[in-house]
């Protein structure tokens, strides 16, 4: 029986919103890996990036992914946008028994529209000045990360779909 669903995708793909909604629908416990890290570390992801560096963050992210994956309960884990691309994180995701990885696939245009108002809050894009730079950054970054995202067992194209429709699609996959 399926007991873990990993939601994978670029920042702004809707992993947290969909994970929360899916959790309400199927009764699984919801974990947002970034929030989990913030709680364990006692500081925001942006502070970890600024005071340490991305290498340090990726190291602790790997450790917390292992920890959260091993919790013995039915759960949904919303990963960070870069989680599957570093360390052996995708192997952890892919090799967990009774688990399902779902890539929430959104177009560059959709991601740009969703992220343009939260640039300052996201460490990887906080240096960008305007939507055009954001669009160019996402285009390049998504190209680099797609190789890892595409390894997911299932892909759901989310462009133009509302949360309920996506949750229903994932619900059908997981039964």
Protein backbone atom coordinates (compact mmCIF):
# COMPACT_ATOMS: atom_id res chain seq x y z
CA UNK A 1 0.00 0.00 0.00
CA UNK A 2 1.16 3.51 -0.84
CA UNK A 3 2.27 5.43 2.23
CA UNK A 4 4.40 8.32 0.92
CA UNK A 5 3.75 10.78 -1.89
CA UNK A 6 6.61 13.10 -2.89
CA UNK A 7 5.65 16.28 -4.72
CA UNK A 8 8.47 17.48 -6.96
CA UNK A 9 8.78 20.53 -9.16
CA UNK A 10 10.20 23.98 -9.62
CA UNK A 11 9.54 26.73 -7.10
CA UNK A 12 6.08 28.14 -7.74
CA UNK A 13 4.78 24.85 -9.17
CA UNK A 14 2.27 24.58 -6.32
CA UNK A 15 3.85 21.77 -4.31
CA UNK A 16 2.88 23.20 -0.91
CA UNK A 17 -0.66 24.27 -1.85
CA UNK A 18 -1.38 20.98 -3.60
CA UNK A 19 0.23 18.98 -0.79
CA UNK A 20 -1.94 20.65 1.86
CA UNK A 21 -5.09 20.08 -0.17
CA UNK A 22 -4.17 16.49 -1.00
CA UNK A 23 -3.51 15.88 2.70
CA UNK A 24 -7.02 17.06 3.58
CA UNK A 25 -8.48 14.78 0.90
CA UNK A 26 -6.65 11.57 1.77
CA UNK A 27 -5.89 12.03 5.48
CA UNK A 28 -2.13 11.73 5.01
CA UNK A 29 0.11 13.96 7.13
CA UNK A 30 1.58 16.85 5.13
CA UNK A 31 5.23 17.85 5.38
CA UNK A 32 6.76 20.81 3.57
CA UNK A 33 10.48 19.95 3.54
CA UNK A 34 11.55 23.62 3.56
CA UNK A 35 9.30 24.38 6.57
CA UNK A 36 10.56 21.21 8.29
CA UNK A 37 14.15 22.40 7.81
CA UNK A 38 13.26 25.87 9.13
CA UNK A 39 11.67 24.37 12.25
CA UNK A 40 14.61 22.03 12.89
CA UNK A 41 17.23 24.73 12.26
CA UNK A 42 15.35 27.55 14.00
CA UNK A 43 15.78 29.95 11.09
CA UNK A 44 14.44 30.68 7.63
CA UNK A 45 15.87 29.07 4.48
CA UNK A 46 16.96 32.53 3.28
CA UNK A 47 18.95 33.01 6.51
CA UNK A 48 20.63 29.63 6.05
CA UNK A 49 21.60 30.60 2.48
CA UNK A 50 22.82 34.05 3.57
CA UNK A 51 24.70 33.05 6.74
CA UNK A 52 26.11 29.75 5.53
CA UNK A 53 25.81 28.98 1.81
CA UNK A 54 23.94 26.79 -0.63
CA UNK A 55 26.40 23.90 -0.19
CA UNK A 56 25.69 23.84 3.56
CA UNK A 57 21.95 24.06 2.90
CA UNK A 58 22.02 21.14 0.43
CA UNK A 59 23.90 19.03 2.98
CA UNK A 60 21.33 19.56 5.74
CA UNK A 61 18.48 19.27 3.22
CA UNK A 62 19.74 15.77 2.39
CA UNK A 63 19.87 14.83 6.07
CA UNK A 64 16.35 16.12 6.76
CA UNK A 65 14.96 14.44 3.62
CA UNK A 66 16.27 11.12 4.93
CA UNK A 67 14.81 11.84 8.37
CA UNK A 68 11.36 12.84 7.14
CA UNK A 69 11.22 9.94 4.65
CA UNK A 70 11.71 7.42 7.44
CA UNK A 71 8.83 8.69 9.60
CA UNK A 72 6.46 5.73 9.89
CA UNK A 73 3.12 7.22 8.83
CA UNK A 74 1.16 7.95 5.68
CA UNK A 75 2.56 11.23 4.44
CA UNK A 76 2.88 13.73 1.64
CA UNK A 77 6.25 15.45 1.32
CA UNK A 78 6.53 18.66 -0.64
CA UNK A 79 10.21 18.89 -1.60
CA UNK A 80 12.12 22.07 -2.28
CA UNK A 81 12.57 23.01 -5.92
CA UNK A 82 16.20 21.89 -5.88
CA UNK A 83 15.84 18.88 -3.60
CA UNK A 84 15.79 16.16 -6.31
CA UNK A 85 18.82 17.69 -8.06
CA UNK A 86 21.41 17.41 -5.29
CA UNK A 87 23.28 14.76 -3.28
CA UNK A 88 21.55 11.38 -3.53
CA UNK A 89 18.16 12.95 -2.88
CA UNK A 90 16.40 11.50 -5.89
CA UNK A 91 17.59 8.02 -4.95
CA UNK A 92 16.11 8.53 -1.46
CA UNK A 93 12.82 9.57 -3.08
CA UNK A 94 12.83 6.88 -5.75
CA UNK A 95 13.90 3.99 -3.54
CA UNK A 96 11.55 4.52 -0.60
CA UNK A 97 9.22 1.50 -0.51
CA UNK A 98 5.51 2.16 -1.14
CA UNK A 99 6.13 5.68 -2.39
CA UNK A 100 5.10 7.71 -5.39
CA UNK A 101 6.97 10.69 -6.87
CA UNK A 102 4.86 13.23 -8.74
CA UNK A 103 6.37 16.00 -10.86
CA UNK A 104 4.12 19.05 -10.89
CA UNK A 105 5.11 20.36 -14.30
CA UNK A 106 4.40 24.00 -15.07
CA UNK A 107 5.50 26.12 -18.02
CA UNK A 108 8.05 28.92 -17.70
CA UNK A 109 5.25 31.45 -18.29
CA UNK A 110 3.11 29.99 -15.49
CA UNK A 111 6.07 29.87 -13.09
CA UNK A 112 7.09 33.46 -13.92
CA UNK A 113 3.54 34.69 -13.29
CA UNK A 114 3.36 32.86 -9.94
CA UNK A 115 6.81 33.93 -8.73
CA UNK A 116 6.98 37.56 -9.85
CA UNK A 117 5.40 38.86 -6.64
CA UNK A 118 7.54 36.80 -4.26
CA UNK A 119 11.03 37.38 -5.68
CA UNK A 120 12.39 38.91 -2.44
CA UNK A 121 11.30 35.92 -0.34
CA UNK A 122 13.08 33.29 -2.41
CA UNK A 123 16.87 33.09 -2.02
CA UNK A 124 17.64 31.75 -5.50
CA UNK A 125 15.82 34.56 -7.30
CA UNK A 126 16.06 37.45 -4.80
CA UNK A 127 18.83 39.08 -6.86
CA UNK A 128 16.64 39.44 -9.95
CA UNK A 129 15.27 42.88 -10.82
CA UNK A 130 12.24 42.35 -13.03
CA UNK A 131 9.91 39.77 -14.63
CA UNK A 132 12.06 39.53 -17.79
CA UNK A 133 15.16 38.55 -15.79
CA UNK A 134 12.99 36.17 -13.78
CA UNK A 135 11.68 34.56 -16.97
CA UNK A 136 15.21 34.12 -18.35
CA UNK A 137 16.45 32.68 -15.05
CA UNK A 138 13.57 30.19 -14.82
CA UNK A 139 14.06 29.13 -18.45
CA UNK A 140 17.74 28.31 -17.85
CA UNK A 141 17.25 26.81 -14.38
CA UNK A 142 14.26 24.69 -15.37
CA UNK A 143 16.24 23.32 -18.31
CA UNK A 144 19.04 22.28 -15.91
CA UNK A 145 16.66 20.73 -13.36
CA UNK A 146 14.19 19.05 -15.72
CA UNK A 147 16.47 16.04 -16.08
CA UNK A 148 15.89 15.25 -12.39
CA UNK A 149 12.22 16.22 -12.28
CA UNK A 150 11.44 14.01 -15.26
CA UNK A 151 12.68 10.95 -13.33
CA UNK A 152 9.49 11.13 -11.25
CA UNK A 153 7.15 8.17 -11.55
CA UNK A 154 4.29 10.45 -12.62
CA UNK A 155 4.05 13.85 -14.25
CA UNK A 156 1.09 16.18 -13.98
CA UNK A 157 0.99 19.21 -16.28
CA UNK A 158 -0.52 21.91 -14.08
CA UNK A 159 -0.88 24.82 -16.51
CA UNK A 160 -4.45 26.05 -16.50
CA UNK A 161 -5.59 23.55 -13.87
CA UNK A 162 -6.97 24.50 -10.47
CA UNK A 163 -5.78 22.89 -7.24
CA UNK A 164 -8.82 20.61 -6.91
CA UNK A 165 -8.34 19.18 -10.40
CA UNK A 166 -4.65 18.49 -9.72
CA UNK A 167 -5.45 16.92 -6.33
CA UNK A 168 -8.04 14.67 -7.98
CA UNK A 169 -5.53 13.60 -10.65
CA UNK A 170 -2.93 12.72 -8.01
CA UNK A 171 -5.59 10.99 -5.92
CA UNK A 172 -6.37 8.73 -8.88
CA UNK A 173 -2.67 7.96 -9.35
CA UNK A 174 -2.22 6.99 -5.73
CA UNK A 175 -5.06 4.50 -5.47
